Amino acid sequence: MDLANWFQSIAERRWPILPSTLLEVRDACSRHNDLISFTELANLCLSDPLLLFDLLRVVGSSRALQRNESIPSVEQTLMLMGLEAVVHRFGKLNAMQPVADKLDAEVVDAVEDWLGRSRVAALIIKEWLSISGEHKVEDCFVAALVYNLPACLYLIYRNQLPDKPLLQEVADHFGSDYSKVLEQFVLAMPLPAGLLNLLGSGAPSKRKQLLKLAMATANSLEQGWWRSSWNVGLDLVAKLIGATPQQVYLGVVQACLSVARQPRAAAYTYPARSILLIEGEYKRPELKKAAVLTSPDQLEQGIRESIRHLSNDLKFERVLFYRYDHDSHSLRLKYQVGLAEGHALRKLPLELEPGSFLALLSSKAQSFHAPESVRNQLVRKYEDDFFEHIGDSEFAIMSLYLGHRLAGVFYVDNGRSGRNIDDTSYHRFKELVARLTPHH
């Protein structure tokens, strides 16, 4: 997944917000105009980073804001838009729901957890700045709410729990520091350019340093508040703002409790649970990875959903799924999109003869992308009947294994137009099929 392409796909659509936020937004906007409060709507935006994101995108492309490099207050932004525009925009919001958005419940929980951490970090930075005598805090508050957004959208987009710490996984996936991903995210959406003063790679400042420490503190609470590695940051904050480590720590506790008392989602209570843990070795219970397809019906449904996605969303012109038939040791076409009526592949079983391309491919869980030059080499090397029937276009193919058992093979190409399969499409094809495997 290329970073620029991914940002483009994010920018092209609106994203759901938390269900409880949506209920309150609808309630606030359904009143008579005289009773609608910009202050109340602003507080809702500051409680749910996804709603804030939706709002900031409206003003992010403003030339005046880009020129001034400022971050307008949220209430100011709502006033600038005007009541009618705000009610109209917020009236088209949707809630993030596992079933409707085809998201795993565990992924939704993880997204809500990371949104809650942002909210905790925002309250932490607000308290720390207040201790140091600074009362202009909303720019840092908003920046803290934005900080984890690319990671949350990554979770939604991939619909699977990360194998590594989330921010590290995002950074590794795109081959870049998370701070660089965040900077590009602000520019690409676009969000108000003033955010780059705090989230960008420009000149260092005390506010920027405090923000980074607030984020690190909130994002790593589950590691244990008693660990020296966690407390190092608090000691540094104490020196920066002229306070005692105890004052700094109490600011963290208050932030966690405040978010837990008014949670936007159940996961908003997780930071408070972490801060209340008893000192000692602790391992957070591992959430199970993407939903395991345990029954044949679930697997069938997952395969059909994948075929629809490959055809409708990724725009592959031909999508084939071959079911492995154990008795005949062959692949038989189960589902297809794009094969012409009477096409030979509709009824032709694909024998897995030793040494054939399909036998090698299906010998283990793996995928293969064959641009034209590679395809021509395969045809010469293997002389499989399969190549005679699929035509001359480049293709991608992947075996589907459930545990140690071959379930079938997915095949995609653009056989009508001959359009190339770019790296992004190939990686998304792989990710989609991989999600069907219990151990992915």
Protein backbone atom coordinates (compact mmCIF):
# COMPACT_ATOMS: atom_id res chain seq x y z
CA MET A 1 0.00 0.00 0.00
CA ASP A 2 1.65 3.21 -1.22
CA LEU A 3 1.35 6.12 1.24
CA ALA A 4 0.20 8.71 -1.31
CA ASN A 5 -2.42 6.36 -2.77
CA TRP A 6 -3.63 5.43 0.69
CA PHE A 7 -4.02 9.08 1.70
CA GLN A 8 -5.89 9.74 -1.53
CA SER A 9 -8.34 6.93 -0.74
CA ILE A 10 -8.85 8.38 2.76
CA ALA A 11 -9.36 11.90 1.41
CA GLU A 12 -11.92 10.72 -1.15
CA ARG A 13 -14.49 9.63 1.44
CA ARG A 14 -16.00 10.66 4.75
CA TRP A 15 -15.33 8.43 7.73
CA PRO A 16 -17.74 7.22 10.41
CA ILE A 17 -17.65 8.58 13.95
CA LEU A 18 -18.33 6.89 17.29
CA PRO A 19 -21.98 5.78 17.74
CA SER A 20 -22.51 7.64 21.04
CA THR A 21 -21.12 10.85 19.51
CA LEU A 22 -23.49 10.55 16.56
CA LEU A 23 -26.50 10.23 18.87
CA GLU A 24 -25.52 13.42 20.70
CA VAL A 25 -24.72 15.28 17.46
CA ARG A 26 -28.15 14.37 16.05
CA ASP A 27 -29.83 15.43 19.27
CA ALA A 28 -27.95 18.76 19.33
CA CYS A 29 -28.70 19.51 15.66
CA SER A 30 -32.38 18.51 15.78
CA ARG A 31 -33.33 21.40 18.07
CA HIS A 32 -34.73 24.74 17.02
CA ASN A 33 -31.98 26.97 15.59
CA ASP A 34 -32.08 29.26 18.62
CA LEU A 35 -31.32 26.31 20.91
CA ILE A 36 -28.37 24.89 18.97
CA SER A 37 -25.17 25.64 20.88
CA PHE A 38 -21.84 26.00 19.05
CA THR A 39 -20.10 25.46 22.41
CA GLU A 40 -21.86 22.11 22.86
CA LEU A 41 -21.00 21.02 19.30
CA ALA A 42 -17.39 22.11 19.80
CA ASN A 43 -17.15 19.99 22.96
CA LEU A 44 -18.52 17.00 21.05
CA CYS A 45 -15.83 17.49 18.38
CA LEU A 46 -13.16 17.63 21.08
CA SER A 47 -14.43 14.39 22.63
CA ASP A 48 -14.27 12.29 19.44
CA PRO A 49 -11.21 12.68 17.18
CA LEU A 50 -13.14 11.21 14.23
CA LEU A 51 -15.74 13.99 14.44
CA LEU A 52 -12.97 16.57 14.83
CA PHE A 53 -11.29 15.12 11.73
CA ASP A 54 -14.52 15.51 9.76
CA LEU A 55 -14.75 19.17 10.79
CA LEU A 56 -11.09 20.09 10.24
CA ARG A 57 -11.19 18.79 6.68
CA VAL A 58 -13.78 21.46 5.85
CA VAL A 59 -11.43 24.31 6.81
CA GLY A 60 -8.11 22.60 6.03
CA SER A 61 -8.08 23.82 2.44
CA SER A 62 -8.85 27.44 3.41
CA ARG A 63 -6.28 29.71 1.80
CA ALA A 64 -6.51 32.18 4.66
CA LEU A 65 -5.69 29.46 7.18
CA GLN A 66 -2.83 28.10 5.11
CA ARG A 67 -1.42 31.63 4.84
CA ASN A 68 -1.75 32.40 8.55
CA GLU A 69 -0.53 28.96 9.59
CA SER A 70 -3.02 29.07 12.42
CA ILE A 71 -5.28 26.51 14.04
CA PRO A 72 -8.66 28.16 14.59
CA SER A 73 -10.50 27.12 17.73
CA VAL A 74 -13.13 24.48 17.06
CA GLU A 75 -15.96 26.76 18.17
CA GLN A 76 -14.59 29.51 15.91
CA THR A 77 -14.52 27.05 13.00
CA LEU A 78 -18.16 26.11 13.55
CA MET A 79 -19.14 29.81 13.65
CA LEU A 80 -17.19 30.54 10.46
CA MET A 81 -19.05 27.72 8.69
CA GLY A 82 -22.42 28.98 9.89
CA LEU A 83 -25.28 27.14 11.52
CA GLU A 84 -26.95 25.94 8.31
CA ALA A 85 -23.71 24.49 6.86
CA VAL A 86 -22.82 22.79 10.16
CA VAL A 87 -26.25 21.17 10.55
CA HIS A 88 -26.19 20.07 6.89
CA ARG A 89 -22.71 18.53 7.16
CA PHE A 90 -23.28 16.84 10.51
CA GLY A 91 -26.62 15.53 9.25
CA LYS A 92 -24.78 13.23 6.82
CA LEU A 93 -22.52 11.56 9.39
CA ASN A 94 -22.59 7.81 10.02
CA ALA A 95 -21.58 5.78 13.05
CA MET A 96 -18.74 3.24 13.05
CA GLN A 97 -20.37 -0.16 13.49
CA PRO A 98 -18.85 -3.63 13.05
CA VAL A 99 -21.70 -5.11 10.97
CA ALA A 100 -22.51 -2.11 8.77
CA ASP A 101 -18.84 -1.31 8.08
CA LYS A 102 -17.85 -5.00 7.78
CA LEU A 103 -15.34 -4.44 10.58
CA ASP A 104 -14.26 -7.03 13.12
CA ALA A 105 -15.51 -6.15 16.61
CA GLU A 106 -11.95 -6.47 17.95
CA VAL A 107 -10.72 -3.94 15.39
CA VAL A 108 -13.47 -1.46 16.35
CA ASP A 109 -12.50 -1.89 20.01
CA ALA A 110 -8.83 -1.22 19.16
CA VAL A 111 -9.75 1.91 17.17
CA GLU A 112 -11.83 3.21 20.08
CA ASP A 113 -8.93 2.45 22.45
CA TRP A 114 -6.51 4.56 20.38
CA LEU A 115 -9.05 7.38 20.05
CA GLY A 116 -9.40 7.32 23.83
CA ARG A 117 -5.62 7.53 24.24
CA SER A 118 -5.64 10.67 22.08
CA ARG A 119 -8.30 12.18 24.30
CA VAL A 120 -6.24 11.36 27.43
CA ALA A 121 -3.13 12.89 25.84
CA ALA A 122 -5.09 16.06 25.00
CA LEU A 123 -6.15 16.49 28.64
CA ILE A 124 -2.60 15.71 29.83
CA ILE A 125 -1.03 18.42 27.63
CA LYS A 126 -3.73 20.86 28.69
CA GLU A 127 -2.87 20.24 32.38
CA TRP A 128 0.89 20.41 31.86
CA LEU A 129 0.65 23.71 29.97
CA SER A 130 -1.61 25.09 32.67
CA ILE A 131 0.93 24.16 35.38
CA SER A 132 3.63 25.99 33.43
CA GLY A 133 1.45 29.13 33.30
CA GLU A 134 0.37 28.85 29.63
CA HIS A 135 -3.35 29.20 29.03
CA LYS A 136 -3.41 29.04 25.21
CA VAL A 137 -3.87 25.31 24.98
CA GLU A 138 -6.39 24.45 22.25
CA ASP A 139 -3.78 24.16 19.48
CA CYS A 140 -1.97 21.44 21.48
CA PHE A 141 -5.28 19.87 22.50
CA VAL A 142 -6.37 19.55 18.85
CA ALA A 143 -2.93 18.32 17.75
CA ALA A 144 -3.10 15.55 20.39
CA LEU A 145 -6.50 14.44 19.07
CA VAL A 146 -5.12 14.31 15.51
CA TYR A 147 -1.89 12.45 16.45
CA ASN A 148 -3.28 8.89 16.49
CA LEU A 149 -5.74 9.38 13.60
CA PRO A 150 -3.58 7.91 10.79
CA ALA A 151 -3.03 4.82 12.97
CA CYS A 152 -6.78 4.52 13.67
CA LEU A 153 -7.64 4.84 9.97
CA TYR A 154 -4.95 2.24 9.21
CA LEU A 155 -6.71 -0.15 11.61
CA ILE A 156 -10.08 0.49 9.95
CA TYR A 157 -8.61 0.17 6.46
CA ARG A 158 -6.78 -3.10 7.18
CA ASN A 159 -9.52 -4.52 9.44
CA GLN A 160 -7.07 -6.61 11.42
CA LEU A 161 -5.20 -6.20 14.68
CA PRO A 162 -1.51 -5.27 14.39
CA ASP A 163 1.26 -7.80 15.04
CA LYS A 164 3.52 -5.08 16.49
CA PRO A 165 2.85 -1.96 18.58
CA LEU A 166 0.43 -0.01 16.37
CA LEU A 167 2.45 3.12 15.60
CA GLN A 168 5.51 0.99 14.87
CA GLU A 169 3.50 -1.23 12.52
CA VAL A 170 2.20 1.81 10.61
CA ALA A 171 5.75 3.19 10.35
CA ASP A 172 7.20 -0.16 9.21
CA HIS A 173 4.38 -0.73 6.71
CA PHE A 174 5.10 2.56 4.95
CA GLY A 175 8.88 2.44 5.49
CA SER A 176 8.86 5.78 7.31
CA ASP A 177 8.90 7.22 10.83
CA TYR A 178 5.40 7.66 12.21
CA SER A 179 6.10 11.39 12.59
CA LYS A 180 6.68 11.62 8.82
CA VAL A 181 3.46 9.69 8.11
CA LEU A 182 1.63 12.12 10.41
CA GLU A 183 3.14 15.17 8.70
CA GLN A 184 2.15 13.87 5.26
CA PHE A 185 -1.33 13.07 6.59
CA VAL A 186 -1.87 16.72 7.65
CA LEU A 187 -0.74 17.93 4.21
CA ALA A 188 -2.68 15.36 2.19
CA MET A 189 -6.16 15.66 3.75
CA PRO A 190 -5.51 18.70 4.01
CA LEU A 191 -5.85 19.75 7.66
CA PRO A 192 -5.08 23.28 8.94
CA ALA A 193 -1.41 23.99 8.20
CA GLY A 194 -0.91 25.35 11.71
CA LEU A 195 -0.90 21.75 12.95
CA LEU A 196 2.51 21.33 11.33
CA ASN A 197 3.97 23.73 13.92
CA LEU A 198 3.28 21.00 16.47
CA LEU A 199 3.17 17.79 14.41
CA GLY A 200 5.63 18.64 11.63
CA SER A 201 9.40 18.30 11.41
CA GLY A 202 10.13 22.02 11.74
CA ALA A 203 12.04 23.84 14.48
CA PRO A 204 11.79 22.26 17.96
CA SER A 205 9.84 24.07 20.67
CA LYS A 206 8.81 23.41 24.26
CA ARG A 207 5.16 22.96 23.24
CA LYS A 208 6.11 20.45 20.57
CA GLN A 209 8.28 18.54 23.04
CA LEU A 210 5.53 18.48 25.69
CA LEU A 211 3.02 17.26 23.10
CA LYS A 212 5.29 14.41 22.10
CA LEU A 213 5.78 13.43 25.74
CA ALA A 214 2.03 13.60 26.43
CA MET A 215 1.35 11.30 23.45
CA ALA A 216 4.09 8.83 24.50
CA THR A 217 2.68 8.81 28.05
CA ALA A 218 -0.94 8.15 27.01
CA ASN A 219 -0.05 5.66 24.28
CA SER A 220 2.08 3.46 26.55
CA LEU A 221 0.03 3.36 29.77
CA GLU A 222 -0.60 -0.38 29.53
CA GLN A 223 3.16 -1.02 29.84
CA GLY A 224 2.86 -0.18 33.56
CA TRP A 225 3.00 3.17 35.35
CA TRP A 226 5.65 1.78 37.73
CA ARG A 227 8.24 1.06 35.04
CA SER A 228 11.24 3.38 35.00
CA SER A 229 11.09 3.58 31.18
CA TRP A 230 7.58 5.08 31.46
CA ASN A 231 8.53 7.51 34.25
CA VAL A 232 11.57 8.93 32.42
CA GLY A 233 9.26 11.05 30.27
CA LEU A 234 7.44 12.43 33.32
CA ASP A 235 10.73 13.45 34.94
CA LEU A 236 11.66 15.34 31.78
CA VAL A 237 8.25 17.09 31.75
CA ALA A 238 8.75 18.14 35.39
CA LYS A 239 12.02 19.87 34.44
CA LEU A 240 10.47 21.51 31.36
CA ILE A 241 7.51 23.05 33.20
CA GLY A 242 9.11 23.66 36.60
CA ALA A 243 6.92 21.22 38.53
CA THR A 244 7.44 18.17 40.73
CA PRO A 245 7.22 14.68 39.18
CA GLN A 246 4.25 14.08 41.50
CA GLN A 247 2.34 17.04 40.03
CA VAL A 248 3.07 15.83 36.53
CA TYR A 249 1.94 12.28 37.38
CA LEU A 250 -1.27 13.53 39.00
CA GLY A 251 -2.08 15.35 35.74
CA VAL A 252 -1.93 11.96 33.97
CA VAL A 253 -4.16 10.29 36.57
CA GLN A 254 -6.75 13.07 36.37
CA ALA A 255 -6.79 12.89 32.55
CA CYS A 256 -7.36 9.11 32.58
CA LEU A 257 -10.16 9.36 35.15
CA SER A 258 -11.81 12.28 33.36
CA VAL A 259 -11.97 10.38 30.06
CA ALA A 260 -13.25 7.24 31.82
CA ARG A 261 -16.02 9.19 33.58
CA GLN A 262 -17.38 10.51 30.27
CA PRO A 263 -16.49 7.77 27.82
CA ARG A 264 -17.40 8.06 24.15
CA ALA A 265 -16.90 4.28 23.94
CA ALA A 266 -16.15 1.45 26.38
CA ALA A 267 -12.48 1.51 25.33
CA TYR A 268 -12.17 5.10 26.62
CA THR A 269 -11.99 3.50 30.09
CA TYR A 270 -8.88 1.43 29.27
CA PRO A 271 -6.32 4.14 30.20
CA ALA A 272 -7.94 4.50 33.66
CA ARG A 273 -7.79 0.72 34.10
CA SER A 274 -4.09 0.79 33.22
CA ILE A 275 -3.31 3.58 35.70
CA LEU A 276 -5.17 1.67 38.44
CA LEU A 277 -3.22 -1.57 37.93
CA ILE A 278 -1.30 -2.99 40.88
CA GLU A 279 2.45 -2.90 40.38
CA GLY A 280 3.89 -6.13 38.99
CA GLU A 281 4.24 -8.17 35.84
CA TYR A 282 1.24 -7.64 33.64
CA LYS A 283 0.25 -8.86 30.25
CA ARG A 284 -2.79 -7.39 28.61
CA PRO A 285 -5.07 -10.19 27.41
CA GLU A 286 -4.46 -10.66 23.71
CA LEU A 287 -7.45 -9.86 21.57
CA LYS A 288 -8.01 -12.49 18.98
CA LYS A 289 -7.01 -11.53 15.48
CA ALA A 290 -9.40 -11.07 12.59
CA ALA A 291 -12.51 -13.21 12.99
CA VAL A 292 -11.69 -16.89 12.54
CA LEU A 293 -13.87 -18.56 9.94
CA THR A 294 -14.70 -21.69 11.86
CA SER A 295 -17.75 -23.02 10.03
CA PRO A 296 -18.14 -23.86 6.32
CA ASP A 297 -20.96 -21.28 6.08
CA GLN A 298 -18.73 -18.53 7.48
CA LEU A 299 -15.98 -19.45 5.03
CA GLU A 300 -18.38 -19.42 2.08
CA GLN A 301 -19.70 -16.02 3.13
CA GLY A 302 -16.15 -14.68 3.54
CA ILE A 303 -15.13 -15.94 0.09
CA ARG A 304 -18.20 -14.40 -1.56
CA GLU A 305 -17.59 -11.07 0.23
CA SER A 306 -13.97 -11.12 -0.95
CA ILE A 307 -15.00 -11.79 -4.55
CA ARG A 308 -17.46 -8.88 -4.44
CA HIS A 309 -14.77 -6.59 -3.01
CA LEU A 310 -12.17 -7.66 -5.59
CA SER A 311 -14.63 -7.05 -8.41
CA ASN A 312 -16.54 -3.96 -7.24
CA ASP A 313 -13.97 -2.03 -5.18
CA LEU A 314 -10.62 -3.11 -6.62
CA LYS A 315 -12.10 -3.26 -10.14
CA PHE A 316 -10.49 -6.53 -11.26
CA GLU A 317 -12.24 -7.52 -14.49
CA ARG A 318 -12.05 -11.27 -13.87
CA VAL A 319 -12.16 -12.85 -10.41
CA LEU A 320 -12.10 -16.65 -10.06
CA PHE A 321 -12.16 -18.86 -6.99
CA TYR A 322 -11.24 -22.52 -7.42
CA ARG A 323 -12.28 -24.89 -4.63
CA TYR A 324 -9.83 -27.69 -3.87
CA ASP A 325 -11.45 -31.10 -4.39
CA HIS A 326 -9.66 -33.58 -2.15
CA ASP A 327 -10.97 -36.77 -3.79
CA SER A 328 -9.79 -35.88 -7.31
CA HIS A 329 -6.82 -33.75 -6.13
CA SER A 330 -7.87 -30.97 -8.49
CA LEU A 331 -9.17 -27.40 -8.46
CA ARG A 332 -12.76 -26.82 -9.56
CA LEU A 333 -14.28 -23.42 -10.33
CA LYS A 334 -16.69 -22.49 -7.55
CA TYR A 335 -17.23 -18.73 -8.06
CA GLN A 336 -16.42 -16.40 -10.94
CA VAL A 337 -16.94 -12.84 -12.11
CA GLY A 338 -16.18 -11.82 -15.71
CA LEU A 339 -15.85 -15.16 -17.52
CA ALA A 340 -17.68 -15.15 -20.85
CA GLU A 341 -20.60 -17.55 -21.37
CA GLY A 342 -19.32 -20.92 -22.55
CA HIS A 343 -15.72 -20.13 -21.51
CA ALA A 344 -13.67 -23.32 -21.23
CA LEU A 345 -12.63 -22.53 -17.65
CA ARG A 346 -16.24 -22.66 -16.43
CA LYS A 347 -16.26 -26.48 -16.50
CA LEU A 348 -12.60 -27.45 -16.78
CA PRO A 349 -11.13 -29.05 -13.60
CA LEU A 350 -7.50 -28.01 -13.10
CA GLU A 351 -5.43 -31.09 -12.34
CA LEU A 352 -2.62 -30.59 -9.83
CA GLU A 353 -0.08 -32.69 -11.66
CA PRO A 354 3.34 -32.94 -9.97
CA GLY A 355 5.64 -30.19 -11.23
CA SER A 356 2.83 -28.08 -12.71
CA PHE A 357 2.56 -24.37 -11.87
CA LEU A 358 -0.71 -24.77 -9.95
CA ALA A 359 0.65 -27.75 -8.00
CA LEU A 360 3.66 -25.68 -6.93
CA LEU A 361 1.53 -22.63 -6.09
CA SER A 362 -0.97 -24.63 -4.02
CA SER A 363 1.69 -26.62 -2.16
CA LYS A 364 1.70 -23.90 0.54
CA ALA A 365 0.08 -20.56 1.42
CA GLN A 366 1.58 -18.09 -1.06
CA SER A 367 0.77 -15.52 -3.71
CA PHE A 368 2.20 -14.66 -7.11
CA HIS A 369 2.04 -11.57 -9.35
CA ALA A 370 2.81 -12.22 -13.00
CA PRO A 371 3.31 -9.13 -15.20
CA GLU A 372 3.48 -9.88 -18.93
CA SER A 373 7.20 -10.74 -19.04
CA VAL A 374 6.94 -13.07 -16.03
CA ARG A 375 3.77 -14.64 -17.41
CA ASN A 376 5.54 -15.45 -20.68
CA GLN A 377 8.34 -17.16 -18.75
CA LEU A 378 5.82 -19.24 -16.81
CA VAL A 379 4.06 -20.33 -20.00
CA ARG A 380 7.36 -21.52 -21.50
CA LYS A 381 8.48 -23.24 -18.31
CA TYR A 382 5.31 -25.07 -17.25
CA GLU A 383 3.16 -25.49 -20.39
CA ASP A 384 0.03 -25.82 -18.18
CA ASP A 385 -3.40 -26.02 -19.86
CA PHE A 386 -4.44 -23.28 -17.47
CA PHE A 387 -2.27 -20.71 -19.27
CA GLU A 388 -3.85 -21.57 -22.62
CA HIS A 389 -7.32 -20.72 -21.31
CA ILE A 390 -6.73 -17.54 -19.28
CA GLY A 391 -5.41 -15.48 -22.22
CA ASP A 392 -2.41 -13.18 -22.42
CA SER A 393 -3.03 -10.64 -19.67
CA GLU A 394 -0.94 -10.33 -16.53
CA PHE A 395 -2.51 -11.84 -13.42
CA ALA A 396 -2.28 -12.31 -9.67
CA ILE A 397 -2.98 -15.60 -7.95
CA MET A 398 -2.99 -16.77 -4.33
CA SER A 399 -3.58 -20.06 -2.52
CA LEU A 400 -5.97 -20.09 0.45
CA TYR A 401 -5.02 -22.33 3.34
CA LEU A 402 -7.06 -23.00 6.48
CA GLY A 403 -4.47 -24.18 8.96
CA HIS A 404 -2.47 -26.82 7.09
CA ARG A 405 -5.28 -27.61 4.66
CA LEU A 406 -5.60 -26.25 1.12
CA ALA A 407 -9.05 -24.67 0.66
CA GLY A 408 -8.67 -23.26 -2.83
CA VAL A 409 -7.06 -20.68 -5.11
CA PHE A 410 -8.02 -17.08 -5.93
CA TYR A 411 -7.17 -15.70 -9.38
CA VAL A 412 -7.60 -12.11 -10.66
CA ASP A 413 -6.75 -10.28 -13.89
CA ASN A 414 -7.93 -7.50 -16.19
CA GLY A 415 -8.53 -9.86 -19.10
CA ARG A 416 -10.83 -7.56 -21.09
CA SER A 417 -8.84 -4.31 -21.09
CA GLY A 418 -5.36 -5.74 -20.48
CA ARG A 419 -4.83 -3.06 -17.80
CA ASN A 420 -1.80 -3.61 -15.58
CA ILE A 421 -2.14 -4.71 -11.96
CA ASP A 422 -0.31 -2.07 -9.93
CA ASP A 423 1.49 -2.81 -6.65
CA THR A 424 -1.28 -1.26 -4.54
CA SER A 425 -3.97 -3.45 -6.13
CA TYR A 426 -1.80 -6.54 -5.76
CA HIS A 427 -1.10 -5.87 -2.07
CA ARG A 428 -4.78 -5.24 -1.37
CA PHE A 429 -5.63 -8.50 -3.18
CA LYS A 430 -3.17 -10.35 -0.93
CA GLU A 431 -4.47 -8.68 2.24
CA LEU A 432 -8.07 -9.50 1.36
CA VAL A 433 -7.39 -13.21 0.79
CA ALA A 434 -5.08 -13.41 3.83
CA ARG A 435 -7.92 -12.15 6.05
CA LEU A 436 -9.81 -15.39 5.37
CA THR A 437 -7.10 -17.45 7.11
CA PRO A 438 -7.51 -18.11 10.83
CA HIS A 439 -3.81 -17.71 11.62
CA HIS A 440 -3.18 -14.52 9.68
